[in-house]
Amino acid sequence: MRIADRIAKDGRLSWQRKGGVVLAAFLERVSTEHTVARLLELTRLTHPDLLNQLRRFTKVGLLCRRTDLETFPAEDHFWLLGESVQRARALLQQADDGDLRELAEERGLDIDRALGNFSTQQPYPVALGKALRDARIAAGPSQAEVSAKVPTLSVSQLSQMENGKALPTLITLAELALVYGVDPVELIVRSTCKSKADRQVQVLKIAEPTFRAVLTHKFAERRLREAARTKALIRPQSS
């Protein structure tokens, strides 16, 4: 193969989007084993491109691999375990854009299904608010009982957070997670996956899911502060 032949003829197939196509295929069929031949059918990537992505995701422990030595030539089988779904979705959302969706559609893949059949267009504060409300309801306490356990948080503030109208600080988020018996990191990573990708975070090209989620949270906090400041400046003029 000539070096020129290794360059993707489709300009939309960036390194990240190739990985996105592979992840979409696995997320639609969690825990299903695939041979390389089957993955070539699903992703329609070149053999070298597919192998590079499989090595990438296997190396970081996202995909599992076994080799069937009883066949000749020996076949490699790859699959995504259920406990790796959230990590895979976080990576898929990082690659998610219009071009990737076109590429997936051409291959009969469904990114929204791979992302868990939830809207990825909701703002991050709304997604986090829903996650906080679900965690509280699952744990059992009322908003008043939570406020009693987290003295710095009033019932009205918690209500605003659960409705996506305010964001907790990361310290308050950790305190709430302790009360609910959940992992605060899982809360923000899951909420990031379920919300519209943050353009400011995308520009920074951060790949690590947890740090990406923290940045999404901090940028959202900044936007809410700026909106409140602008509203405060406009109010005296209108009165």
C-alpha atoms as a PDB file:
ATOM      1  CA  MET A   1       0.000   0.000   0.000  1.00  0.00           C
ATOM      2  CA  ARG A   2       1.306   3.414  -0.910  1.00  0.00           C
ATOM      3  CA  ILE A   3       1.472   6.079   1.804  1.00  0.00           C
ATOM      4  CA  ALA A   4      -0.969   8.179  -0.212  1.00  0.00           C
ATOM      5  CA  ASP A   5      -3.504   5.359  -0.005  1.00  0.00           C
ATOM      6  CA  ARG A   6      -3.505   5.633   3.804  1.00  0.00           C
ATOM      7  CA  ILE A   7      -4.883   9.171   3.688  1.00  0.00           C
ATOM      8  CA  ALA A   8      -8.657   9.198   4.113  1.00  0.00           C
ATOM      9  CA  LYS A   9     -10.331  10.153   0.852  1.00  0.00           C
ATOM     10  CA  ASP A  10     -13.305  11.467   2.836  1.00  0.00           C
ATOM     11  CA  GLY A  11     -12.208  14.730   4.445  1.00  0.00           C
ATOM     12  CA  ARG A  12     -14.798  14.303   7.198  1.00  0.00           C
ATOM     13  CA  LEU A  13     -12.982  11.262   8.586  1.00  0.00           C
ATOM     14  CA  SER A  14     -10.739  12.958  11.139  1.00  0.00           C
ATOM     15  CA  TRP A  15      -8.930  10.870  13.763  1.00  0.00           C
ATOM     16  CA  GLN A  16     -11.592  11.706  16.368  1.00  0.00           C
ATOM     17  CA  ARG A  17     -14.496  10.934  14.044  1.00  0.00           C
ATOM     18  CA  LYS A  18     -13.048   7.538  13.119  1.00  0.00           C
ATOM     19  CA  GLY A  19     -13.010   6.771  16.844  1.00  0.00           C
ATOM     20  CA  GLY A  20     -16.573   8.092  17.111  1.00  0.00           C
ATOM     21  CA  VAL A  21     -17.772   5.734  14.390  1.00  0.00           C
ATOM     22  CA  VAL A  22     -16.160   2.786  16.191  1.00  0.00           C
ATOM     23  CA  LEU A  23     -17.669   3.783  19.543  1.00  0.00           C
ATOM     24  CA  ALA A  24     -21.134   4.266  18.033  1.00  0.00           C
ATOM     25  CA  ALA A  25     -20.960   0.716  16.657  1.00  0.00           C
ATOM     26  CA  PHE A  26     -19.998  -0.721  20.051  1.00  0.00           C
ATOM     27  CA  LEU A  27     -22.477   1.369  22.054  1.00  0.00           C
ATOM     28  CA  GLU A  28     -25.376   0.191  19.902  1.00  0.00           C
ATOM     29  CA  ARG A  29     -24.431  -3.388  20.747  1.00  0.00           C
ATOM     30  CA  VAL A  30     -23.008  -3.356  24.286  1.00  0.00           C
ATOM     31  CA  SER A  31     -21.358  -6.652  25.366  1.00  0.00           C
ATOM     32  CA  THR A  32     -21.720  -8.126  21.858  1.00  0.00           C
ATOM     33  CA  GLU A  33     -18.488  -9.644  20.559  1.00  0.00           C
ATOM     34  CA  HIS A  34     -17.361  -8.536  17.119  1.00  0.00           C
ATOM     35  CA  THR A  35     -14.678  -9.891  14.847  1.00  0.00           C
ATOM     36  CA  VAL A  36     -12.549  -7.452  12.888  1.00  0.00           C
ATOM     37  CA  ALA A  37     -14.378  -8.510   9.729  1.00  0.00           C
ATOM     38  CA  ARG A  38     -17.753  -7.662  11.305  1.00  0.00           C
ATOM     39  CA  LEU A  39     -16.437  -4.309  12.553  1.00  0.00           C
ATOM     40  CA  LEU A  40     -15.210  -3.483   9.060  1.00  0.00           C
ATOM     41  CA  GLU A  41     -18.772  -4.029   7.828  1.00  0.00           C
ATOM     42  CA  LEU A  42     -20.258  -1.851  10.568  1.00  0.00           C
ATOM     43  CA  THR A  43     -17.811   1.039  10.437  1.00  0.00           C
ATOM     44  CA  ARG A  44     -16.759   0.983   6.770  1.00  0.00           C
ATOM     45  CA  LEU A  45     -13.318   2.177   7.786  1.00  0.00           C
ATOM     46  CA  THR A  46     -10.116   1.010   6.164  1.00  0.00           C
ATOM     47  CA  HIS A  47      -8.443  -1.942   7.853  1.00  0.00           C
ATOM     48  CA  PRO A  48      -5.492   0.151   9.200  1.00  0.00           C
ATOM     49  CA  ASP A  49      -7.823   2.879  10.497  1.00  0.00           C
ATOM     50  CA  LEU A  50     -10.021   0.357  12.293  1.00  0.00           C
ATOM     51  CA  LEU A  51      -7.052  -1.475  13.854  1.00  0.00           C
ATOM     52  CA  ASN A  52      -5.562   1.812  15.064  1.00  0.00           C
ATOM     53  CA  GLN A  53      -8.799   2.721  16.836  1.00  0.00           C
ATOM     54  CA  LEU A  54      -9.217  -0.770  18.305  1.00  0.00           C
ATOM     55  CA  ARG A  55      -5.650  -0.630  19.671  1.00  0.00           C
ATOM     56  CA  ARG A  56      -6.348   2.839  21.071  1.00  0.00           C
ATOM     57  CA  PHE A  57      -9.493   1.821  22.951  1.00  0.00           C
ATOM     58  CA  THR A  58      -8.114  -1.538  24.089  1.00  0.00           C
ATOM     59  CA  LYS A  59      -4.954   0.086  25.443  1.00  0.00           C
ATOM     60  CA  VAL A  60      -6.934   2.409  27.739  1.00  0.00           C
ATOM     61  CA  GLY A  61      -9.118  -0.484  28.929  1.00  0.00           C
ATOM     62  CA  LEU A  62     -12.295   0.674  27.226  1.00  0.00           C
ATOM     63  CA  LEU A  63     -12.676  -2.377  24.979  1.00  0.00           C
ATOM     64  CA  CYS A  64     -12.023  -6.031  25.849  1.00  0.00           C
ATOM     65  CA  ARG A  65     -10.218  -8.359  23.480  1.00  0.00           C
ATOM     66  CA  ARG A  66      -9.733 -12.086  23.151  1.00  0.00           C
ATOM     67  CA  THR A  67      -8.031 -14.116  20.478  1.00  0.00           C
ATOM     68  CA  ASP A  68      -9.573 -17.335  19.203  1.00  0.00           C
ATOM     69  CA  LEU A  69      -6.494 -19.506  18.718  1.00  0.00           C
ATOM     70  CA  GLU A  70      -8.526 -22.539  17.659  1.00  0.00           C
ATOM     71  CA  THR A  71      -9.257 -21.027  14.263  1.00  0.00           C
ATOM     72  CA  PHE A  72      -6.765 -20.459  11.486  1.00  0.00           C
ATOM     73  CA  PRO A  73      -5.855 -17.766  10.988  1.00  0.00           C
ATOM     74  CA  ALA A  74      -6.573 -16.800  14.605  1.00  0.00           C
ATOM     75  CA  GLU A  75      -9.389 -14.254  14.973  1.00  0.00           C
ATOM     76  CA  ASP A  76      -9.528 -11.336  17.396  1.00  0.00           C
ATOM     77  CA  HIS A  77     -12.853 -10.539  19.082  1.00  0.00           C
ATOM     78  CA  PHE A  78     -13.638  -7.146  20.678  1.00  0.00           C
ATOM     79  CA  TRP A  79     -16.513  -6.000  22.890  1.00  0.00           C
ATOM     80  CA  LEU A  80     -17.605  -3.163  25.196  1.00  0.00           C
ATOM     81  CA  LEU A  81     -18.648  -4.089  28.737  1.00  0.00           C
ATOM     82  CA  GLY A  82     -21.626  -2.455  30.436  1.00  0.00           C
ATOM     83  CA  GLU A  83     -19.424  -0.824  33.084  1.00  0.00           C
ATOM     84  CA  SER A  84     -17.484   0.974  30.331  1.00  0.00           C
ATOM     85  CA  VAL A  85     -20.563   2.529  28.705  1.00  0.00           C
ATOM     86  CA  GLN A  86     -20.340   5.914  30.477  1.00  0.00           C
ATOM     87  CA  ARG A  87     -16.669   6.337  29.531  1.00  0.00           C
ATOM     88  CA  ALA A  88     -17.428   5.364  25.950  1.00  0.00           C
ATOM     89  CA  ARG A  89     -20.337   7.817  25.775  1.00  0.00           C
ATOM     90  CA  ALA A  90     -18.148  10.618  27.162  1.00  0.00           C
ATOM     91  CA  LEU A  91     -15.581   9.985  24.418  1.00  0.00           C
ATOM     92  CA  LEU A  92     -18.290   9.742  21.765  1.00  0.00           C
ATOM     93  CA  GLN A  93     -19.752  13.080  22.781  1.00  0.00           C
ATOM     94  CA  GLN A  94     -16.324  14.677  22.413  1.00  0.00           C
ATOM     95  CA  ALA A  95     -16.286  13.596  18.756  1.00  0.00           C
ATOM     96  CA  ASP A  96     -19.978  14.314  18.161  1.00  0.00           C
ATOM     97  CA  ASP A  97     -20.608  16.917  15.462  1.00  0.00           C
ATOM     98  CA  GLY A  98     -22.527  17.294  12.199  1.00  0.00           C
ATOM     99  CA  ASP A  99     -19.921  15.483  10.120  1.00  0.00           C
ATOM    100  CA  LEU A 100     -19.763  12.515  12.478  1.00  0.00           C
ATOM    101  CA  ARG A 101     -23.556  12.229  12.425  1.00  0.00           C
ATOM    102  CA  GLU A 102     -23.502  12.171   8.606  1.00  0.00           C
ATOM    103  CA  LEU A 103     -20.807   9.485   8.610  1.00  0.00           C
ATOM    104  CA  ALA A 104     -22.736   7.406  11.148  1.00  0.00           C
ATOM    105  CA  GLU A 105     -25.993   7.734   9.209  1.00  0.00           C
ATOM    106  CA  GLU A 106     -24.281   6.567   6.015  1.00  0.00           C
ATOM    107  CA  ARG A 107     -23.238   3.426   7.910  1.00  0.00           C
ATOM    108  CA  GLY A 108     -26.675   2.812   9.403  1.00  0.00           C
ATOM    109  CA  LEU A 109     -25.472   3.755  12.893  1.00  0.00           C
ATOM    110  CA  ASP A 110     -27.515   5.848  15.326  1.00  0.00           C
ATOM    111  CA  ILE A 111     -25.490   8.196  17.534  1.00  0.00           C
ATOM    112  CA  ASP A 112     -28.487   9.207  19.650  1.00  0.00           C
ATOM    113  CA  ARG A 113     -29.162   5.562  20.403  1.00  0.00           C
ATOM    114  CA  ALA A 114     -25.474   5.052  21.207  1.00  0.00           C
ATOM    115  CA  LEU A 115     -25.588   8.039  23.558  1.00  0.00           C
ATOM    116  CA  GLY A 116     -28.490   6.464  25.416  1.00  0.00           C
ATOM    117  CA  ASN A 117     -31.585   7.813  23.673  1.00  0.00           C
ATOM    118  CA  PHE A 118     -31.429  11.111  25.521  1.00  0.00           C
ATOM    119  CA  SER A 119     -31.383  14.623  24.120  1.00  0.00           C
ATOM    120  CA  THR A 120     -27.873  16.053  23.834  1.00  0.00           C
ATOM    121  CA  GLN A 121     -29.275  19.531  23.204  1.00  0.00           C
ATOM    122  CA  GLN A 122     -30.214  20.434  26.783  1.00  0.00           C
ATOM    123  CA  PRO A 123     -27.973  22.896  28.652  1.00  0.00           C
ATOM    124  CA  TYR A 124     -25.538  21.441  31.168  1.00  0.00           C
ATOM    125  CA  PRO A 125     -27.262  23.046  34.224  1.00  0.00           C
ATOM    126  CA  VAL A 126     -30.532  21.344  33.203  1.00  0.00           C
ATOM    127  CA  ALA A 127     -28.842  17.941  32.811  1.00  0.00           C
ATOM    128  CA  LEU A 128     -27.073  18.284  36.168  1.00  0.00           C
ATOM    129  CA  GLY A 129     -30.278  19.449  37.829  1.00  0.00           C
ATOM    130  CA  LYS A 130     -32.101  16.331  36.622  1.00  0.00           C
ATOM    131  CA  ALA A 131     -29.233  14.138  37.844  1.00  0.00           C
ATOM    132  CA  LEU A 132     -29.306  15.796  41.276  1.00  0.00           C
ATOM    133  CA  ARG A 133     -33.082  15.431  41.547  1.00  0.00           C
ATOM    134  CA  ASP A 134     -32.949  11.761  40.481  1.00  0.00           C
ATOM    135  CA  ALA A 135     -30.157  11.077  43.000  1.00  0.00           C
ATOM    136  CA  ARG A 136     -32.115  12.748  45.825  1.00  0.00           C
ATOM    137  CA  ILE A 137     -35.328  10.886  45.011  1.00  0.00           C
ATOM    138  CA  ALA A 138     -33.449   7.584  44.829  1.00  0.00           C
ATOM    139  CA  ALA A 139     -31.793   8.284  48.198  1.00  0.00           C
ATOM    140  CA  GLY A 140     -35.107   9.270  49.830  1.00  0.00           C
ATOM    141  CA  PRO A 141     -34.675  12.661  51.596  1.00  0.00           C
ATOM    142  CA  SER A 142     -36.864  15.680  50.912  1.00  0.00           C
ATOM    143  CA  GLN A 143     -35.360  18.994  49.881  1.00  0.00           C
ATOM    144  CA  ALA A 144     -35.861  20.273  53.454  1.00  0.00           C
ATOM    145  CA  GLU A 145     -34.021  17.259  54.887  1.00  0.00           C
ATOM    146  CA  VAL A 146     -31.139  17.794  52.457  1.00  0.00           C
ATOM    147  CA  SER A 147     -30.963  21.478  53.429  1.00  0.00           C
ATOM    148  CA  ALA A 148     -30.722  20.465  57.083  1.00  0.00           C
ATOM    149  CA  LYS A 149     -27.741  18.223  56.293  1.00  0.00           C
ATOM    150  CA  VAL A 150     -26.043  20.852  54.101  1.00  0.00           C
ATOM    151  CA  PRO A 151     -26.465  24.062  56.186  1.00  0.00           C
ATOM    152  CA  THR A 152     -24.991  26.339  53.493  1.00  0.00           C
ATOM    153  CA  LEU A 153     -27.790  25.325  51.117  1.00  0.00           C
ATOM    154  CA  SER A 154     -31.369  26.590  51.446  1.00  0.00           C
ATOM    155  CA  VAL A 155     -34.426  24.742  50.141  1.00  0.00           C
ATOM    156  CA  SER A 156     -34.986  27.419  47.489  1.00  0.00           C
ATOM    157  CA  GLN A 157     -31.363  27.177  46.314  1.00  0.00           C
ATOM    158  CA  LEU A 158     -31.616  23.383  46.023  1.00  0.00           C
ATOM    159  CA  SER A 159     -34.885  23.756  44.107  1.00  0.00           C
ATOM    160  CA  GLN A 160     -33.245  26.180  41.681  1.00  0.00           C
ATOM    161  CA  MET A 161     -30.361  23.740  41.163  1.00  0.00           C
ATOM    162  CA  GLU A 162     -32.689  20.823  40.495  1.00  0.00           C
ATOM    163  CA  ASN A 163     -34.596  22.953  37.967  1.00  0.00           C
ATOM    164  CA  GLY A 164     -31.413  23.907  36.117  1.00  0.00           C
ATOM    165  CA  LYS A 165     -31.649  27.582  37.087  1.00  0.00           C
ATOM    166  CA  ALA A 166     -28.561  27.550  39.310  1.00  0.00           C
ATOM    167  CA  LEU A 167     -25.386  25.499  39.664  1.00  0.00           C
ATOM    168  CA  PRO A 168     -23.839  24.189  42.865  1.00  0.00           C
ATOM    169  CA  THR A 169     -20.180  24.879  43.478  1.00  0.00           C
ATOM    170  CA  LEU A 170     -18.023  21.776  43.200  1.00  0.00           C
ATOM    171  CA  ILE A 171     -17.775  21.720  47.018  1.00  0.00           C
ATOM    172  CA  THR A 172     -21.570  21.831  47.384  1.00  0.00           C
ATOM    173  CA  LEU A 173     -21.867  19.152  44.685  1.00  0.00           C
ATOM    174  CA  ALA A 174     -19.523  16.918  46.690  1.00  0.00           C
ATOM    175  CA  GLU A 175     -21.581  17.557  49.850  1.00  0.00           C
ATOM    176  CA  LEU A 176     -24.816  16.653  48.050  1.00  0.00           C
ATOM    177  CA  ALA A 177     -23.245  13.515  46.584  1.00  0.00           C
ATOM    178  CA  LEU A 178     -22.214  12.452  50.103  1.00  0.00           C
ATOM    179  CA  VAL A 179     -25.784  12.888  51.354  1.00  0.00           C
ATOM    180  CA  TYR A 180     -27.163  10.922  48.384  1.00  0.00           C
ATOM    181  CA  GLY A 181     -24.496   8.212  48.545  1.00  0.00           C
ATOM    182  CA  VAL A 182     -23.370   8.723  44.941  1.00  0.00           C
ATOM    183  CA  ASP A 183     -20.105   9.566  43.192  1.00  0.00           C
ATOM    184  CA  PRO A 184     -19.869  13.317  42.411  1.00  0.00           C
ATOM    185  CA  VAL A 185     -17.547  12.605  39.483  1.00  0.00           C
ATOM    186  CA  GLU A 186     -20.133  10.284  37.963  1.00  0.00           C
ATOM    187  CA  LEU A 187     -22.772  12.999  38.386  1.00  0.00           C
ATOM    188  CA  ILE A 188     -20.901  15.633  36.390  1.00  0.00           C
ATOM    189  CA  VAL A 189     -19.527  13.241  33.759  1.00  0.00           C
ATOM    190  CA  ARG A 190     -22.985  11.748  33.150  1.00  0.00           C
ATOM    191  CA  SER A 191     -24.543  15.223  33.011  1.00  0.00           C
ATOM    192  CA  THR A 192     -21.907  16.372  30.522  1.00  0.00           C
ATOM    193  CA  CYS A 193     -22.737  13.387  28.320  1.00  0.00           C
ATOM    194  CA  LYS A 194     -26.437  14.244  28.468  1.00  0.00           C
ATOM    195  CA  SER A 195     -26.012  17.926  27.588  1.00  0.00           C
ATOM    196  CA  LYS A 196     -25.068  19.933  24.543  1.00  0.00           C
ATOM    197  CA  ALA A 197     -21.307  19.907  24.029  1.00  0.00           C
ATOM    198  CA  ASP A 198     -19.674  23.068  25.395  1.00  0.00           C
ATOM    199  CA  ARG A 199     -17.959  24.988  22.579  1.00  0.00           C
ATOM    200  CA  GLN A 200     -15.403  26.556  24.922  1.00  0.00           C
ATOM    201  CA  VAL A 201     -14.367  23.141  26.188  1.00  0.00           C
ATOM    202  CA  GLN A 202     -14.230  21.773  22.634  1.00  0.00           C
ATOM    203  CA  VAL A 203     -11.814  24.548  21.639  1.00  0.00           C
ATOM    204  CA  LEU A 204      -9.441  23.422  24.409  1.00  0.00           C
ATOM    205  CA  LYS A 205      -9.428  19.868  22.960  1.00  0.00           C
ATOM    206  CA  ILE A 206      -9.507  18.210  26.380  1.00  0.00           C
ATOM    207  CA  ALA A 207      -9.885  14.443  25.998  1.00  0.00           C
ATOM    208  CA  GLU A 208      -9.960  13.219  29.628  1.00  0.00           C
ATOM    209  CA  PRO A 209     -13.667  12.828  30.525  1.00  0.00           C
ATOM    210  CA  THR A 210     -13.479  13.946  34.178  1.00  0.00           C
ATOM    211  CA  PHE A 211     -11.441  17.092  33.511  1.00  0.00           C
ATOM    212  CA  ARG A 212     -13.683  17.845  30.545  1.00  0.00           C
ATOM    213  CA  ALA A 213     -16.749  17.582  32.788  1.00  0.00           C
ATOM    214  CA  VAL A 214     -15.187  19.849  35.427  1.00  0.00           C
ATOM    215  CA  LEU A 215     -14.413  22.469  32.775  1.00  0.00           C
ATOM    216  CA  THR A 216     -17.977  22.228  31.460  1.00  0.00           C
ATOM    217  CA  HIS A 217     -19.221  22.868  34.991  1.00  0.00           C
ATOM    218  CA  LYS A 218     -16.896  25.850  35.533  1.00  0.00           C
ATOM    219  CA  PHE A 219     -17.748  27.446  32.171  1.00  0.00           C
ATOM    220  CA  ALA A 220     -21.454  27.050  32.960  1.00  0.00           C
ATOM    221  CA  GLU A 221     -20.893  28.711  36.345  1.00  0.00           C
ATOM    222  CA  ARG A 222     -19.132  31.618  34.623  1.00  0.00           C
ATOM    223  CA  ARG A 223     -21.967  32.078  32.139  1.00  0.00           C
ATOM    224  CA  LEU A 224     -24.570  32.136  34.915  1.00  0.00           C
ATOM    225  CA  ARG A 225     -22.541  34.747  36.843  1.00  0.00           C
ATOM    226  CA  GLU A 226     -22.163  36.902  33.725  1.00  0.00           C
ATOM    227  CA  ALA A 227     -25.888  36.643  32.983  1.00  0.00           C
ATOM    228  CA  ALA A 228     -26.738  37.667  36.558  1.00  0.00           C
ATOM    229  CA  ARG A 229     -24.313  40.590  36.360  1.00  0.00           C
ATOM    230  CA  THR A 230     -25.788  41.785  33.060  1.00  0.00           C
ATOM    231  CA  LYS A 231     -29.316  41.490  34.484  1.00  0.00           C
ATOM    232  CA  ALA A 232     -28.300  43.547  37.520  1.00  0.00           C
ATOM    233  CA  LEU A 233     -26.848  46.280  35.308  1.00  0.00           C
ATOM    234  CA  ILE A 234     -29.952  46.471  33.096  1.00  0.00           C
ATOM    235  CA  ARG A 235     -32.469  46.566  35.971  1.00  0.00           C
ATOM    236  CA  PRO A 236     -31.549  50.052  37.358  1.00  0.00           C
ATOM    237  CA  GLN A 237     -31.688  51.561  33.845  1.00  0.00           C
ATOM    238  CA  SER A 238     -35.161  50.146  33.185  1.00  0.00           C
ATOM    239  CA  SER A 239     -36.457  51.396  36.543  1.00  0.00           C
END
